[in-house]
Amino acid sequence: MYGIMLIVVLVLTGGVIAFIGDRLGSKVGKKKLSLFGLRPRHTSILVTIITGILITTVTFGILAIASKDVRTALFGMNKLKAELNEKQSMLEEASGALVNVKNNLNTTKEEYAKSKKDLEETQEDLEIAQQAAELLRQEQVALQNINQELWSDNQTLIEHNQSLAENNQFLLANNESLKADNLELEKTNNDLQEGIENIRERPIIYRVGELLASGVIKKTDDSVKIQNDLNQIIALANSKIIDRLGTEGSKDGVWIYPIEYQKAMDRLKQAKGDTVIRLIVAANLVKGDPVLTELEMHPNRVVYQENEFVYQKIYNVPIDGSNSEMLISDFLRNVNMTAINNGILPNPLTGTVGVINGNQIYAIEKALAENRGKDVLISAFAAADTEVLGPLRLHIYLKNETEQEINHE
């Protein structure tokens, strides 16, 4: 772009100078001016020559001012040629050096390729050697572990051998003692056989789970009073045992585990209300043995108040009256289960909680016989205030399907 502008400027400058020169030459020719004593025609030629000289001079001046390369070409050509020759010599030297370098490089490449091949072979040999060394190391470690295990097993065997020797001595030393113990055990076995035969011949006086005595201990903070009340219940059980067996019937009477007795005392001291105590036979008793007893403890409360409803059920009485006893048994069984569920303690052996007399049974059977073929509602109510200890006594009411009261006990 810079060169184009320079050419344009030179063209315009040359044109302008040529135009001015032409105008000057025309004016000189027309006016027939004379310079330096020359003829007008020669003066016009001189003006034209001067104009051409000016065009060339201005052109070179502008080029020299505008371009360093032009100045170098006009004034530094010899120097430039000298430098060019010097550079050419250096280039030739560099080319020669380059050829040598290429030759050396090729030689080096060949040597490198050979060295690389040798290195790869050496690397493979080294890897093989390393693998062999690793295998040797692993085998050495395995051998060390085996040696350690063998040494440990050897020590264990030595210890076992010593232990077996000691045990052998101990067994030998105890052999005589075992023989003596065996004789003693045979004698004890014979005694036990005789004892079992004697027990079989003696009748069972008390069965396990049988109720010996029961009572209620009032809430109090007096430890002496609590102990006296508990001892009175135990004394009651002892008196019942004497009544059944006589004064010589039992060795020691009621026997309670001391720990259980102490736990009972602690619970009675911490109780928030009255407590029911029951003495239960813990094992079958034959005559002559102590009565092993368990202590049962239950918080006391009124389960049923007098005339409180207990249970009722509607029964259809057969026309022939064949199953009146079954109806009565079913009703009393349901009453018993309801009372137990509400909190009355059953007899440990029989599972019953109440008593009913023969007159009540007879009256119920009579009422059922009078209402054969009808539906009868049988209801039970508590005859008196009944606590947890029981027993539950009942008033029994019967009504037929017309809601007519047919019996009241």
Protein backbone atom coordinates (compact mmCIF):
# COMPACT_ATOMS: atom_id res chain seq x y z
CA MET A 1 0.00 0.00 0.00
CA TYR A 2 2.89 2.31 0.85
CA GLY A 3 4.58 1.66 -2.57
CA ILE A 4 1.37 2.43 -4.48
CA MET A 5 0.97 5.75 -2.69
CA LEU A 6 4.64 6.59 -3.42
CA ILE A 7 4.20 5.87 -7.14
CA VAL A 8 1.04 7.96 -7.25
CA VAL A 9 2.85 10.86 -5.55
CA LEU A 10 5.79 10.58 -8.02
CA VAL A 11 3.44 10.48 -11.01
CA LEU A 12 1.50 13.47 -9.79
CA THR A 13 4.69 15.37 -8.92
CA GLY A 14 6.23 14.57 -12.35
CA GLY A 15 3.02 15.62 -14.07
CA VAL A 16 2.84 18.88 -12.18
CA ILE A 17 6.51 19.70 -12.90
CA ALA A 18 6.07 18.76 -16.57
CA PHE A 19 3.01 20.94 -16.78
CA ILE A 20 4.78 23.86 -15.17
CA GLY A 21 7.80 23.32 -17.43
CA ASP A 22 5.60 23.17 -20.50
CA ARG A 23 3.83 26.35 -19.48
CA LEU A 24 7.09 28.09 -18.83
CA GLY A 25 8.51 26.87 -22.15
CA SER A 26 5.40 28.05 -24.00
CA LYS A 27 5.54 31.45 -22.35
CA VAL A 28 9.24 31.77 -23.06
CA GLY A 29 8.67 30.75 -26.64
CA LYS A 30 5.73 33.09 -27.13
CA LYS A 31 7.44 36.00 -25.50
CA LYS A 32 10.70 35.07 -27.11
CA LEU A 33 12.58 35.49 -23.84
CA SER A 34 16.29 34.99 -23.75
CA LEU A 35 18.41 33.62 -20.91
CA PHE A 36 22.13 33.85 -20.61
CA GLY A 37 22.19 35.59 -23.98
CA LEU A 38 20.75 32.57 -25.78
CA ARG A 39 18.26 32.74 -28.50
CA PRO A 40 14.60 32.35 -27.60
CA ARG A 41 14.42 28.92 -29.20
CA HIS A 42 17.49 27.75 -27.32
CA THR A 43 16.06 29.36 -24.16
CA SER A 44 12.85 27.30 -24.56
CA ILE A 45 14.93 24.13 -25.02
CA LEU A 46 16.95 25.05 -21.91
CA VAL A 47 13.72 25.47 -19.87
CA THR A 48 12.52 22.07 -21.05
CA ILE A 49 15.84 20.47 -20.11
CA ILE A 50 15.81 22.12 -16.69
CA THR A 51 12.21 20.89 -16.19
CA GLY A 52 13.25 17.31 -16.97
CA ILE A 53 16.22 17.64 -14.63
CA LEU A 54 13.88 18.93 -11.92
CA ILE A 55 11.49 16.01 -12.46
CA THR A 56 14.33 13.51 -12.11
CA THR A 57 15.86 15.36 -9.17
CA VAL A 58 12.57 15.68 -7.32
CA THR A 59 11.75 12.05 -8.06
CA PHE A 60 15.02 10.81 -6.64
CA GLY A 61 14.73 13.24 -3.71
CA ILE A 62 11.27 12.01 -2.80
CA LEU A 63 12.36 8.39 -3.15
CA ALA A 64 15.43 9.01 -1.05
CA ILE A 65 13.39 10.79 1.62
CA ALA A 66 10.55 8.26 1.59
CA SER A 67 12.49 4.93 1.39
CA LYS A 68 15.56 3.71 3.22
CA ASP A 69 16.06 0.97 0.61
CA VAL A 70 16.31 3.65 -2.15
CA ARG A 71 18.90 5.57 -0.16
CA THR A 72 20.80 2.33 0.34
CA ALA A 73 20.61 1.54 -3.41
CA LEU A 74 21.80 5.06 -4.38
CA PHE A 75 24.51 5.62 -1.83
CA GLY A 76 25.39 2.22 -0.17
CA MET A 77 25.51 -0.19 -3.06
CA ASN A 78 29.18 -1.05 -2.64
CA LYS A 79 28.76 -1.61 1.06
CA LEU A 80 25.68 -3.67 0.37
CA LYS A 81 27.58 -5.79 -2.17
CA ALA A 82 30.39 -6.30 0.35
CA GLU A 83 27.93 -7.37 3.03
CA LEU A 84 26.14 -9.58 0.51
CA ASN A 85 29.40 -11.28 -0.39
CA GLU A 86 30.20 -11.71 3.31
CA LYS A 87 26.77 -13.17 3.97
CA GLN A 88 27.14 -15.46 0.96
CA SER A 89 30.45 -16.71 2.38
CA MET A 90 28.84 -17.26 5.78
CA LEU A 91 25.92 -19.02 4.10
CA GLU A 92 28.28 -21.34 2.27
CA GLU A 93 30.13 -22.04 5.52
CA ALA A 94 26.78 -22.62 7.30
CA SER A 95 25.65 -24.91 4.47
CA GLY A 96 28.86 -26.91 4.82
CA ALA A 97 28.39 -27.04 8.57
CA LEU A 98 24.77 -28.08 8.03
CA VAL A 99 25.86 -30.90 5.75
CA ASN A 100 28.33 -32.02 8.41
CA VAL A 101 25.64 -31.75 11.05
CA LYS A 102 23.28 -33.82 8.88
CA ASN A 103 25.94 -36.42 8.41
CA ASN A 104 26.66 -36.44 12.13
CA LEU A 105 22.91 -36.60 12.80
CA ASN A 106 22.48 -39.61 10.54
CA THR A 107 25.41 -41.25 12.23
CA THR A 108 23.96 -40.40 15.62
CA LYS A 109 20.56 -41.77 14.57
CA GLU A 110 22.12 -45.03 13.51
CA GLU A 111 24.02 -45.22 16.77
CA TYR A 112 20.85 -44.27 18.68
CA ALA A 113 18.83 -46.95 16.91
CA LYS A 114 21.52 -49.49 17.71
CA SER A 115 21.73 -48.25 21.31
CA LYS A 116 17.93 -48.31 21.61
CA LYS A 117 17.83 -51.89 20.38
CA ASP A 118 20.57 -52.80 22.83
CA LEU A 119 18.70 -50.93 25.56
CA GLU A 120 15.47 -52.78 24.81
CA GLU A 121 17.31 -56.06 24.97
CA THR A 122 18.94 -54.94 28.20
CA GLN A 123 15.53 -53.81 29.55
CA GLU A 124 14.02 -57.20 28.74
CA ASP A 125 16.92 -58.93 30.44
CA LEU A 126 16.50 -56.59 33.40
CA GLU A 127 12.75 -57.32 33.65
CA ILE A 128 13.43 -61.04 33.48
CA ALA A 129 16.06 -60.63 36.17
CA GLN A 130 13.65 -58.57 38.32
CA GLN A 131 10.90 -61.17 37.95
CA ALA A 132 13.35 -63.88 38.91
CA ALA A 133 14.47 -61.79 41.90
CA GLU A 134 10.82 -61.21 42.93
CA LEU A 135 10.10 -64.94 42.71
CA LEU A 136 13.16 -65.62 44.80
CA ARG A 137 12.07 -63.00 47.33
CA GLN A 138 8.57 -64.47 47.55
CA GLU A 139 9.97 -67.95 47.98
CA GLN A 140 12.29 -66.62 50.66
CA VAL A 141 9.37 -64.96 52.48
CA ALA A 142 7.33 -68.17 52.17
CA LEU A 143 10.22 -70.16 53.53
CA GLN A 144 10.60 -67.71 56.42
CA ASN A 145 6.86 -68.01 57.19
CA ILE A 146 7.07 -71.79 57.04
CA ASN A 147 10.08 -71.72 59.32
CA GLN A 148 8.23 -69.42 61.73
CA GLU A 149 5.17 -71.69 61.71
CA LEU A 150 7.33 -74.75 62.21
CA TRP A 151 9.10 -73.06 65.10
CA SER A 152 5.76 -72.01 66.60
CA ASP A 153 4.33 -75.50 66.11
CA ASN A 154 7.44 -76.93 67.68
CA GLN A 155 7.05 -74.67 70.71
CA THR A 156 3.34 -75.60 70.92
CA LEU A 157 4.20 -79.29 70.73
CA ILE A 158 6.80 -78.84 73.45
CA GLU A 159 4.23 -77.05 75.65
CA HIS A 160 1.59 -79.70 74.89
CA ASN A 161 4.08 -82.40 75.64
CA GLN A 162 4.88 -80.81 78.99
CA SER A 163 1.16 -80.30 79.68
CA LEU A 164 0.41 -83.90 78.75
CA ALA A 165 3.21 -85.06 80.98
CA GLU A 166 1.80 -82.96 83.85
CA ASN A 167 -1.72 -84.19 83.15
CA ASN A 168 -0.47 -87.73 83.04
CA GLN A 169 1.14 -87.29 86.42
CA PHE A 170 -2.06 -85.64 87.69
CA LEU A 171 -4.20 -88.45 86.30
CA LEU A 172 -1.92 -91.05 87.79
CA ALA A 173 -2.04 -89.24 91.11
CA ASN A 174 -5.87 -89.02 91.02
CA ASN A 175 -6.46 -92.53 89.78
CA GLU A 176 -6.52 -93.94 93.26
CA SER A 177 -8.71 -91.07 94.42
CA LEU A 178 -11.16 -91.75 91.58
CA LYS A 179 -11.31 -95.39 92.51
CA ALA A 180 -12.15 -94.41 96.07
CA ASP A 181 -14.74 -91.89 94.82
CA ASN A 182 -16.25 -94.57 92.60
CA LEU A 183 -16.72 -96.83 95.58
CA GLU A 184 -18.26 -93.93 97.49
CA LEU A 185 -20.59 -93.15 94.56
CA GLU A 186 -21.67 -96.78 94.38
CA LYS A 187 -22.52 -96.65 98.06
CA THR A 188 -24.37 -93.34 97.59
CA ASN A 189 -26.26 -94.81 94.63
CA ASN A 190 -27.36 -97.74 96.72
CA ASP A 191 -28.50 -95.35 99.45
CA LEU A 192 -30.42 -93.29 96.88
CA GLN A 193 -32.11 -96.40 95.52
CA GLU A 194 -33.18 -97.32 99.02
CA GLY A 195 -34.37 -93.73 99.58
CA ILE A 196 -36.40 -93.73 96.35
CA GLU A 197 -38.03 -97.01 97.32
CA ASN A 198 -38.87 -95.57 100.72
CA ILE A 199 -40.36 -92.44 99.10
CA ARG A 200 -42.48 -94.55 96.77
CA GLU A 201 -43.80 -96.44 99.75
CA ARG A 202 -44.68 -93.17 101.61
CA PRO A 203 -47.86 -91.30 100.48
CA ILE A 204 -47.75 -87.71 99.19
CA ILE A 205 -49.24 -85.43 101.87
CA TYR A 206 -49.12 -82.10 99.99
CA ARG A 207 -49.04 -81.60 96.22
CA VAL A 208 -47.05 -78.91 94.46
CA GLY A 209 -49.13 -75.74 94.01
CA GLU A 210 -51.44 -76.49 96.93
CA LEU A 211 -52.48 -73.46 98.99
CA LEU A 212 -51.34 -73.74 102.62
CA ALA A 213 -52.48 -70.41 104.07
CA SER A 214 -53.28 -66.88 103.04
CA GLY A 215 -53.96 -63.50 104.57
CA VAL A 216 -53.92 -59.73 104.12
CA ILE A 217 -51.18 -57.53 105.57
CA LYS A 218 -52.26 -53.94 106.14
CA LYS A 219 -50.19 -51.04 104.85
CA THR A 220 -47.89 -49.73 107.59
CA ASP A 221 -44.44 -48.21 108.02
CA ASP A 222 -43.77 -50.30 111.13
CA SER A 223 -41.34 -53.06 110.16
CA VAL A 224 -42.00 -54.98 113.37
CA LYS A 225 -45.77 -54.96 112.71
CA ILE A 226 -45.20 -56.17 109.12
CA GLN A 227 -42.95 -59.00 110.31
CA ASN A 228 -45.42 -60.05 113.01
CA ASP A 229 -48.31 -60.14 110.48
CA LEU A 230 -46.24 -62.20 108.04
CA ASN A 231 -45.16 -64.58 110.81
CA GLN A 232 -48.82 -65.02 111.84
CA ILE A 233 -49.69 -66.22 108.33
CA ILE A 234 -46.72 -68.62 108.47
CA ALA A 235 -47.88 -69.78 111.90
CA LEU A 236 -51.35 -70.39 110.46
CA ALA A 237 -49.81 -72.59 107.77
CA ASN A 238 -47.83 -74.49 110.43
CA SER A 239 -50.98 -75.07 112.48
CA LYS A 240 -52.75 -76.49 109.40
CA ILE A 241 -49.80 -78.81 108.76
CA ILE A 242 -49.96 -80.01 112.39
CA ASP A 243 -53.72 -80.50 112.08
CA ARG A 244 -53.17 -82.73 109.05
CA LEU A 245 -49.95 -84.52 110.01
CA GLY A 246 -49.81 -84.27 113.78
CA THR A 247 -46.96 -82.86 115.84
CA GLU A 248 -44.59 -85.55 114.53
CA GLY A 249 -45.77 -85.35 110.94
CA SER A 250 -43.22 -82.81 109.70
CA LYS A 251 -39.63 -82.20 110.63
CA ASP A 252 -39.56 -78.41 110.50
CA GLY A 253 -43.02 -77.27 109.35
CA VAL A 254 -43.12 -74.49 106.72
CA TRP A 255 -39.75 -73.74 105.15
CA ILE A 256 -39.24 -70.53 103.12
CA TYR A 257 -36.02 -69.50 101.37
CA PRO A 258 -34.42 -66.77 103.52
CA ILE A 259 -33.75 -64.63 100.43
CA GLU A 260 -37.43 -64.90 99.40
CA TYR A 261 -38.54 -64.04 102.94
CA GLN A 262 -36.30 -60.92 102.95
CA LYS A 263 -37.56 -59.85 99.51
CA ALA A 264 -41.12 -60.19 100.79
CA MET A 265 -40.30 -57.98 103.77
CA ASP A 266 -38.75 -55.33 101.49
CA ARG A 267 -41.78 -55.33 99.16
CA LEU A 268 -44.20 -55.06 102.08
CA LYS A 269 -42.30 -52.04 103.42
CA GLN A 270 -42.50 -50.33 100.00
CA ALA A 271 -46.11 -51.31 99.28
CA LYS A 272 -48.55 -48.44 98.63
CA GLY A 273 -51.54 -50.34 100.02
CA ASP A 274 -52.68 -53.59 101.62
CA THR A 275 -51.03 -56.76 100.30
CA VAL A 276 -52.39 -60.30 99.89
CA ILE A 277 -49.97 -63.04 101.00
CA ARG A 278 -50.40 -66.67 99.91
CA LEU A 279 -48.18 -69.59 100.94
CA ILE A 280 -48.00 -72.17 98.13
CA VAL A 281 -46.43 -75.65 98.36
CA ALA A 282 -43.32 -75.60 96.14
CA ALA A 283 -42.81 -79.39 95.83
CA ASN A 284 -44.68 -82.61 96.52
CA LEU A 285 -44.40 -83.43 100.22
CA VAL A 286 -44.13 -86.89 101.70
CA LYS A 287 -44.48 -87.49 105.39
CA GLY A 288 -41.38 -86.58 107.34
CA ASP A 289 -40.03 -83.92 104.91
CA PRO A 290 -40.08 -80.13 105.43
CA VAL A 291 -42.80 -78.25 103.55
CA LEU A 292 -41.00 -76.18 100.89
CA THR A 293 -43.08 -73.06 100.38
CA GLU A 294 -43.25 -70.15 97.94
CA LEU A 295 -44.56 -66.69 98.85
CA GLU A 296 -47.08 -65.08 96.51
CA MET A 297 -47.77 -61.35 96.91
CA HIS A 298 -50.58 -59.35 95.28
CA PRO A 299 -51.91 -55.84 95.88
CA ASN A 300 -55.24 -56.07 97.68
CA ARG A 301 -58.42 -54.26 96.61
CA VAL A 302 -62.17 -54.71 96.54
CA VAL A 303 -62.98 -56.48 93.27
CA TYR A 304 -66.78 -56.70 93.74
CA GLN A 305 -68.98 -54.73 96.07
CA GLU A 306 -72.12 -56.19 97.61
CA ASN A 307 -74.86 -56.85 94.99
CA GLU A 308 -72.49 -55.82 92.15
CA PHE A 309 -73.21 -57.50 88.80
CA VAL A 310 -70.76 -60.31 87.90
CA TYR A 311 -72.07 -62.24 84.88
CA GLN A 312 -75.24 -63.26 83.03
CA LYS A 313 -76.19 -65.48 80.09
CA ILE A 314 -79.35 -66.70 78.36
CA TYR A 315 -79.80 -70.48 78.15
CA ASN A 316 -82.40 -72.50 76.27
CA VAL A 317 -83.70 -75.21 78.60
CA PRO A 318 -84.39 -78.47 76.73
CA ILE A 319 -87.89 -79.89 77.00
CA ASP A 320 -86.62 -83.15 78.47
CA GLY A 321 -84.33 -81.27 80.94
CA SER A 322 -81.50 -83.64 80.10
CA ASN A 323 -78.58 -81.17 80.31
CA SER A 324 -79.53 -78.95 83.25
CA GLU A 325 -76.32 -79.89 85.05
CA MET A 326 -74.29 -78.96 81.93
CA LEU A 327 -76.02 -75.56 81.78
CA ILE A 328 -75.27 -74.91 85.44
CA SER A 329 -71.63 -76.02 85.03
CA ASP A 330 -71.18 -73.78 81.98
CA PHE A 331 -72.66 -70.79 83.80
CA LEU A 332 -70.49 -71.29 86.91
CA ARG A 333 -67.37 -71.82 84.75
CA ASN A 334 -68.03 -68.50 82.95
CA VAL A 335 -68.62 -66.76 86.28
CA ASN A 336 -65.34 -68.18 87.57
CA MET A 337 -63.40 -67.03 84.45
CA THR A 338 -64.94 -63.54 84.62
CA ALA A 339 -64.02 -63.17 88.30
CA ILE A 340 -60.42 -64.29 87.63
CA ASN A 341 -60.12 -61.82 84.77
CA ASN A 342 -61.33 -59.05 87.08
CA GLY A 343 -58.65 -59.81 89.67
CA ILE A 344 -59.82 -62.46 92.16
CA LEU A 345 -57.05 -65.01 92.86
CA PRO A 346 -58.02 -68.60 92.01
CA ASN A 347 -57.13 -71.68 94.01
CA PRO A 348 -53.76 -72.85 92.59
CA LEU A 349 -54.95 -76.48 92.31
CA THR A 350 -58.63 -76.24 91.42
CA GLY A 351 -58.61 -72.85 89.64
CA THR A 352 -61.85 -71.80 91.39
CA VAL A 353 -62.51 -68.44 93.06
CA GLY A 354 -65.88 -68.92 94.79
CA VAL A 355 -68.15 -71.20 96.78
CA ILE A 356 -71.75 -72.22 96.15
CA ASN A 357 -73.82 -74.34 98.46
CA GLY A 358 -76.02 -77.28 97.62
CA ASN A 359 -79.25 -75.39 98.26
CA GLN A 360 -78.40 -72.90 95.51
CA ILE A 361 -77.65 -75.70 93.07
CA TYR A 362 -80.91 -77.45 93.95
CA ALA A 363 -82.92 -74.24 93.56
CA ILE A 364 -81.39 -73.52 90.13
CA GLU A 365 -82.07 -77.09 88.93
CA LYS A 366 -85.67 -76.82 90.13
CA ALA A 367 -86.19 -73.47 88.35
CA LEU A 368 -84.75 -74.86 85.13
CA ALA A 369 -87.02 -77.92 85.35
CA GLU A 370 -90.06 -75.62 85.68
CA ASN A 371 -89.07 -73.72 82.49
CA ARG A 372 -88.34 -76.54 80.07
CA GLY A 373 -88.44 -75.48 76.44
CA LYS A 374 -88.02 -71.82 77.36
CA ASP A 375 -85.17 -69.29 77.28
CA VAL A 376 -83.91 -68.45 80.78
CA LEU A 377 -81.65 -65.53 81.72
CA ILE A 378 -79.30 -66.52 84.55
CA SER A 379 -77.52 -63.63 86.33
CA ALA A 380 -74.91 -63.63 89.10
CA PHE A 381 -74.28 -60.82 91.61
CA ALA A 382 -71.78 -60.59 94.49
CA ALA A 383 -73.38 -61.54 97.80
CA ALA A 384 -70.92 -59.34 99.76
CA ASP A 385 -67.89 -57.13 99.31
CA THR A 386 -65.19 -59.39 97.82
CA GLU A 387 -61.47 -58.62 97.79
CA VAL A 388 -58.64 -60.11 95.72
CA LEU A 389 -58.21 -63.03 98.11
CA GLY A 390 -61.84 -64.09 97.73
CA PRO A 391 -63.79 -66.30 98.01
CA LEU A 392 -66.62 -64.99 95.82
CA ARG A 393 -70.12 -65.80 97.10
CA LEU A 394 -73.05 -65.24 94.76
CA HIS A 395 -76.67 -64.29 94.53
CA ILE A 396 -78.11 -66.02 91.47
CA TYR A 397 -81.23 -64.75 89.71
CA LEU A 398 -83.20 -66.52 86.99
CA LYS A 399 -85.81 -64.96 84.68
CA ASN A 400 -87.78 -66.58 81.90
CA GLU A 401 -88.46 -65.12 78.48
CA THR A 402 -91.44 -63.12 79.81
CA GLU A 403 -89.06 -61.32 82.20
CA GLN A 404 -90.78 -63.02 85.15
CA GLU A 405 -88.50 -63.64 88.12
CA ILE A 406 -88.54 -67.36 88.80
CA ASN A 407 -85.82 -67.72 91.42
CA HIS A 408 -83.78 -65.58 93.75
CA GLU A 409 -80.98 -66.77 95.97
